[in-house]
Amino acid sequence: MTTALSVGQARGVILLALAEAGCPVAEYTPLEVKQAVSGYGGADKNQVQQMVKALLNLEKIPKPDDAADALAIAICHLNSSGYLLKMASGG
């Protein structure tokens, strides 16, 4: 319980600081991230890690697991923002 409370408090402070600085914030559910990276919202952790490796043309799955998760979220954000479509079309 203490850890969850601390994480929630830290998240609140970070969101407040970003808002005060005028930085845009995007949030994605695990299902959205899995869908964007693997094409399947029910993908397991290994499937997502393998897709991150493949999409970024990496030799190995990023370690620790949090690094692969962060890259998956970044891929999801780029996909959601339309950036990947623009790049693919030469824009």
N, C-alpha and C. Protein backbone atom coordinates (compact mmCIF):
# COMPACT_ATOMS: atom_id res chain seq x y z
N MET A 1 0.82 -1.20 0.00
CA MET A 1 0.00 0.00 0.00
C MET A 1 0.86 1.26 0.00
N THR A 2 1.94 1.24 0.79
CA THR A 2 2.81 2.41 0.87
C THR A 2 3.46 2.70 -0.47
N THR A 3 3.90 1.66 -1.17
CA THR A 3 4.54 1.84 -2.47
C THR A 3 3.56 2.45 -3.47
N ALA A 4 2.34 1.94 -3.51
CA ALA A 4 1.33 2.46 -4.44
C ALA A 4 1.04 3.92 -4.14
N LEU A 5 0.96 4.26 -2.88
CA LEU A 5 0.70 5.64 -2.49
C LEU A 5 1.86 6.55 -2.91
N SER A 6 3.09 6.09 -2.69
CA SER A 6 4.27 6.87 -3.08
C SER A 6 4.33 7.08 -4.59
N VAL A 7 4.03 6.03 -5.34
CA VAL A 7 4.04 6.12 -6.81
C VAL A 7 2.96 7.11 -7.26
N GLY A 8 1.79 7.03 -6.66
CA GLY A 8 0.71 7.95 -7.01
C GLY A 8 1.07 9.39 -6.72
N GLN A 9 1.71 9.61 -5.58
CA GLN A 9 2.13 10.96 -5.23
C GLN A 9 3.19 11.48 -6.20
N ALA A 10 4.16 10.64 -6.52
CA ALA A 10 5.22 11.03 -7.46
C ALA A 10 4.62 11.35 -8.83
N ARG A 11 3.68 10.52 -9.27
CA ARG A 11 3.02 10.75 -10.56
C ARG A 11 2.30 12.09 -10.56
N GLY A 12 1.61 12.40 -9.47
CA GLY A 12 0.91 13.67 -9.36
C GLY A 12 1.84 14.86 -9.44
N VAL A 13 2.97 14.78 -8.76
CA VAL A 13 3.96 15.86 -8.78
C VAL A 13 4.52 16.04 -10.19
N ILE A 14 4.81 14.94 -10.85
CA ILE A 14 5.35 15.00 -12.22
C ILE A 14 4.33 15.62 -13.17
N LEU A 15 3.07 15.18 -13.08
CA LEU A 15 2.03 15.73 -13.96
C LEU A 15 1.82 17.22 -13.70
N LEU A 16 1.87 17.62 -12.45
CA LEU A 16 1.73 19.03 -12.11
C LEU A 16 2.89 19.85 -12.69
N ALA A 17 4.10 19.35 -12.53
CA ALA A 17 5.27 20.06 -13.05
C ALA A 17 5.20 20.19 -14.57
N LEU A 18 4.77 19.13 -15.24
CA LEU A 18 4.64 19.18 -16.70
C LEU A 18 3.57 20.18 -17.12
N ALA A 19 2.45 20.19 -16.42
CA ALA A 19 1.36 21.12 -16.74
C ALA A 19 1.81 22.56 -16.53
N GLU A 20 2.50 22.82 -15.43
CA GLU A 20 2.97 24.18 -15.16
C GLU A 20 4.01 24.64 -16.18
N ALA A 21 4.76 23.69 -16.74
CA ALA A 21 5.77 24.01 -17.75
C ALA A 21 5.17 24.07 -19.16
N GLY A 22 3.88 23.74 -19.27
CA GLY A 22 3.23 23.78 -20.57
C GLY A 22 3.58 22.61 -21.48
N CYS A 23 4.09 21.54 -20.89
CA CYS A 23 4.46 20.36 -21.68
C CYS A 23 3.24 19.48 -21.92
N PRO A 24 3.06 19.04 -23.15
CA PRO A 24 1.93 18.13 -23.41
C PRO A 24 2.19 16.76 -22.76
N VAL A 25 1.13 16.12 -22.34
CA VAL A 25 1.22 14.81 -21.71
C VAL A 25 0.30 13.86 -22.47
N ALA A 26 0.80 12.67 -22.73
CA ALA A 26 0.00 11.63 -23.37
C ALA A 26 0.04 10.40 -22.48
N GLU A 27 -1.07 9.73 -22.36
CA GLU A 27 -1.14 8.51 -21.55
C GLU A 27 -1.78 7.41 -22.38
N TYR A 28 -1.27 6.20 -22.23
CA TYR A 28 -1.76 5.05 -22.99
C TYR A 28 -1.98 3.88 -22.04
N THR A 29 -3.03 3.12 -22.31
CA THR A 29 -3.29 1.92 -21.53
C THR A 29 -2.36 0.81 -22.02
N PRO A 30 -2.14 -0.21 -21.19
CA PRO A 30 -1.33 -1.34 -21.66
C PRO A 30 -1.90 -1.96 -22.95
N LEU A 31 -3.22 -2.03 -23.06
CA LEU A 31 -3.84 -2.58 -24.27
C LEU A 31 -3.48 -1.74 -25.50
N GLU A 32 -3.50 -0.41 -25.36
CA GLU A 32 -3.15 0.46 -26.48
C GLU A 32 -1.70 0.28 -26.90
N VAL A 33 -0.82 0.13 -25.93
CA VAL A 33 0.61 -0.05 -26.24
C VAL A 33 0.81 -1.39 -26.95
N LYS A 34 0.21 -2.44 -26.41
CA LYS A 34 0.36 -3.76 -27.03
C LYS A 34 -0.20 -3.77 -28.45
N GLN A 35 -1.34 -3.12 -28.64
CA GLN A 35 -1.97 -3.05 -29.97
C GLN A 35 -1.07 -2.31 -30.95
N ALA A 36 -0.51 -1.19 -30.52
CA ALA A 36 0.33 -0.38 -31.40
C ALA A 36 1.63 -1.10 -31.78
N VAL A 37 2.19 -1.85 -30.84
CA VAL A 37 3.49 -2.49 -31.09
C VAL A 37 3.35 -3.84 -31.77
N SER A 38 2.39 -4.64 -31.30
CA SER A 38 2.29 -6.01 -31.82
C SER A 38 1.10 -6.25 -32.73
N GLY A 39 0.15 -5.30 -32.74
CA GLY A 39 -1.04 -5.50 -33.53
C GLY A 39 -2.11 -6.31 -32.81
N TYR A 40 -1.82 -6.69 -31.56
CA TYR A 40 -2.74 -7.50 -30.78
C TYR A 40 -2.74 -7.02 -29.33
N GLY A 41 -3.88 -6.54 -28.86
CA GLY A 41 -3.98 -6.00 -27.51
C GLY A 41 -3.78 -7.01 -26.40
N GLY A 42 -3.85 -8.29 -26.74
CA GLY A 42 -3.65 -9.33 -25.74
C GLY A 42 -2.26 -9.92 -25.76
N ALA A 43 -1.33 -9.26 -26.45
CA ALA A 43 0.04 -9.77 -26.55
C ALA A 43 0.67 -9.87 -25.17
N ASP A 44 1.51 -10.90 -24.99
CA ASP A 44 2.19 -11.01 -23.70
C ASP A 44 3.49 -10.20 -23.74
N LYS A 45 4.15 -10.11 -22.60
CA LYS A 45 5.34 -9.27 -22.45
C LYS A 45 6.42 -9.67 -23.46
N ASN A 46 6.63 -10.97 -23.63
CA ASN A 46 7.66 -11.44 -24.55
C ASN A 46 7.34 -11.05 -26.00
N GLN A 47 6.08 -11.15 -26.39
CA GLN A 47 5.69 -10.77 -27.75
C GLN A 47 5.96 -9.28 -27.99
N VAL A 48 5.64 -8.45 -27.00
CA VAL A 48 5.88 -7.02 -27.13
C VAL A 48 7.39 -6.76 -27.22
N GLN A 49 8.16 -7.43 -26.37
CA GLN A 49 9.61 -7.24 -26.39
C GLN A 49 10.21 -7.66 -27.73
N GLN A 50 9.72 -8.76 -28.27
CA GLN A 50 10.22 -9.23 -29.58
C GLN A 50 9.88 -8.23 -30.68
N MET A 51 8.69 -7.65 -30.61
CA MET A 51 8.29 -6.67 -31.62
C MET A 51 9.09 -5.37 -31.49
N VAL A 52 9.38 -4.95 -30.26
CA VAL A 52 10.23 -3.77 -30.06
C VAL A 52 11.59 -4.03 -30.70
N LYS A 53 12.13 -5.19 -30.45
CA LYS A 53 13.43 -5.58 -31.04
C LYS A 53 13.35 -5.54 -32.57
N ALA A 54 12.30 -6.10 -33.13
CA ALA A 54 12.16 -6.15 -34.59
C ALA A 54 11.91 -4.77 -35.19
N LEU A 55 11.00 -4.00 -34.59
CA LEU A 55 10.66 -2.68 -35.13
C LEU A 55 11.84 -1.71 -35.10
N LEU A 56 12.68 -1.85 -34.08
CA LEU A 56 13.82 -0.94 -33.95
C LEU A 56 15.12 -1.54 -34.50
N ASN A 57 14.98 -2.72 -35.11
CA ASN A 57 16.11 -3.39 -35.72
C ASN A 57 17.27 -3.56 -34.74
N LEU A 58 16.94 -4.04 -33.54
CA LEU A 58 17.94 -4.25 -32.50
C LEU A 58 18.47 -5.67 -32.53
N GLU A 59 19.69 -5.87 -32.08
CA GLU A 59 20.26 -7.22 -32.03
C GLU A 59 19.65 -8.05 -30.92
N LYS A 60 19.31 -7.39 -29.79
CA LYS A 60 18.76 -8.10 -28.64
C LYS A 60 17.57 -7.34 -28.09
N ILE A 61 16.76 -8.04 -27.31
CA ILE A 61 15.67 -7.39 -26.58
C ILE A 61 16.30 -6.43 -25.57
N PRO A 62 15.81 -5.19 -25.51
CA PRO A 62 16.37 -4.24 -24.54
C PRO A 62 16.20 -4.73 -23.10
N LYS A 63 17.22 -4.53 -22.32
CA LYS A 63 17.19 -4.89 -20.90
C LYS A 63 17.53 -3.66 -20.09
N PRO A 64 16.99 -3.49 -18.92
CA PRO A 64 16.00 -4.33 -18.26
C PRO A 64 14.64 -4.23 -18.94
N ASP A 65 13.69 -5.00 -18.44
CA ASP A 65 12.34 -5.02 -19.02
C ASP A 65 11.73 -3.62 -19.11
N ASP A 66 12.05 -2.77 -18.14
CA ASP A 66 11.51 -1.40 -18.15
C ASP A 66 11.96 -0.64 -19.39
N ALA A 67 13.16 -0.92 -19.88
CA ALA A 67 13.66 -0.24 -21.08
C ALA A 67 12.83 -0.65 -22.30
N ALA A 68 12.51 -1.93 -22.41
CA ALA A 68 11.67 -2.41 -23.51
C ALA A 68 10.27 -1.81 -23.40
N ASP A 69 9.75 -1.71 -22.17
CA ASP A 69 8.43 -1.11 -21.96
C ASP A 69 8.44 0.36 -22.38
N ALA A 70 9.48 1.08 -22.02
CA ALA A 70 9.56 2.51 -22.37
C ALA A 70 9.63 2.68 -23.89
N LEU A 71 10.39 1.83 -24.56
CA LEU A 71 10.47 1.91 -26.02
C LEU A 71 9.12 1.56 -26.65
N ALA A 72 8.42 0.60 -26.09
CA ALA A 72 7.09 0.23 -26.60
C ALA A 72 6.13 1.42 -26.46
N ILE A 73 6.20 2.13 -25.35
CA ILE A 73 5.35 3.30 -25.15
C ILE A 73 5.72 4.39 -26.15
N ALA A 74 7.01 4.57 -26.40
CA ALA A 74 7.44 5.57 -27.38
C ALA A 74 6.93 5.22 -28.77
N ILE A 75 7.01 3.95 -29.13
CA ILE A 75 6.50 3.50 -30.44
C ILE A 75 5.00 3.76 -30.51
N CYS A 76 4.28 3.46 -29.44
CA CYS A 76 2.84 3.71 -29.39
C CYS A 76 2.55 5.19 -29.58
N HIS A 77 3.31 6.04 -28.91
CA HIS A 77 3.08 7.48 -29.02
C HIS A 77 3.35 7.97 -30.45
N LEU A 78 4.44 7.52 -31.04
CA LEU A 78 4.74 7.92 -32.41
C LEU A 78 3.65 7.45 -33.37
N ASN A 79 3.14 6.25 -33.14
CA ASN A 79 2.06 5.71 -33.96
C ASN A 79 0.78 6.52 -33.76
N SER A 80 0.46 6.84 -32.52
CA SER A 80 -0.77 7.58 -32.20
C SER A 80 -0.73 9.02 -32.72
N SER A 81 0.44 9.60 -32.75
CA SER A 81 0.59 10.99 -33.19
C SER A 81 0.61 11.11 -34.71
N GLY A 82 0.65 9.97 -35.38
CA GLY A 82 0.70 9.98 -36.84
C GLY A 82 2.10 10.17 -37.39
N TYR A 83 3.09 10.28 -36.50
CA TYR A 83 4.47 10.51 -36.94
C TYR A 83 4.97 9.39 -37.83
N LEU A 84 4.68 8.15 -37.48
CA LEU A 84 5.18 7.03 -38.29
C LEU A 84 4.56 7.02 -39.67
N LEU A 85 3.29 7.40 -39.77
CA LEU A 85 2.65 7.48 -41.10
C LEU A 85 3.30 8.57 -41.95
N LYS A 86 3.59 9.71 -41.32
CA LYS A 86 4.24 10.80 -42.04
C LYS A 86 5.61 10.38 -42.56
N MET A 87 6.36 9.68 -41.71
CA MET A 87 7.71 9.22 -42.09
C MET A 87 7.62 8.21 -43.23
N ALA A 88 6.65 7.31 -43.16
CA ALA A 88 6.49 6.28 -44.17
C ALA A 88 6.11 6.88 -45.52
N SER A 89 5.38 8.00 -45.48
CA SER A 89 4.94 8.62 -46.73
C SER A 89 5.92 9.68 -47.22
N GLY A 90 7.06 9.78 -46.52
CA GLY A 90 8.08 10.73 -46.96
C GLY A 90 7.87 12.14 -46.45
N GLY A 91 6.95 12.32 -45.48
CA GLY A 91 6.64 13.66 -44.98
C GLY A 91 7.38 14.07 -43.82
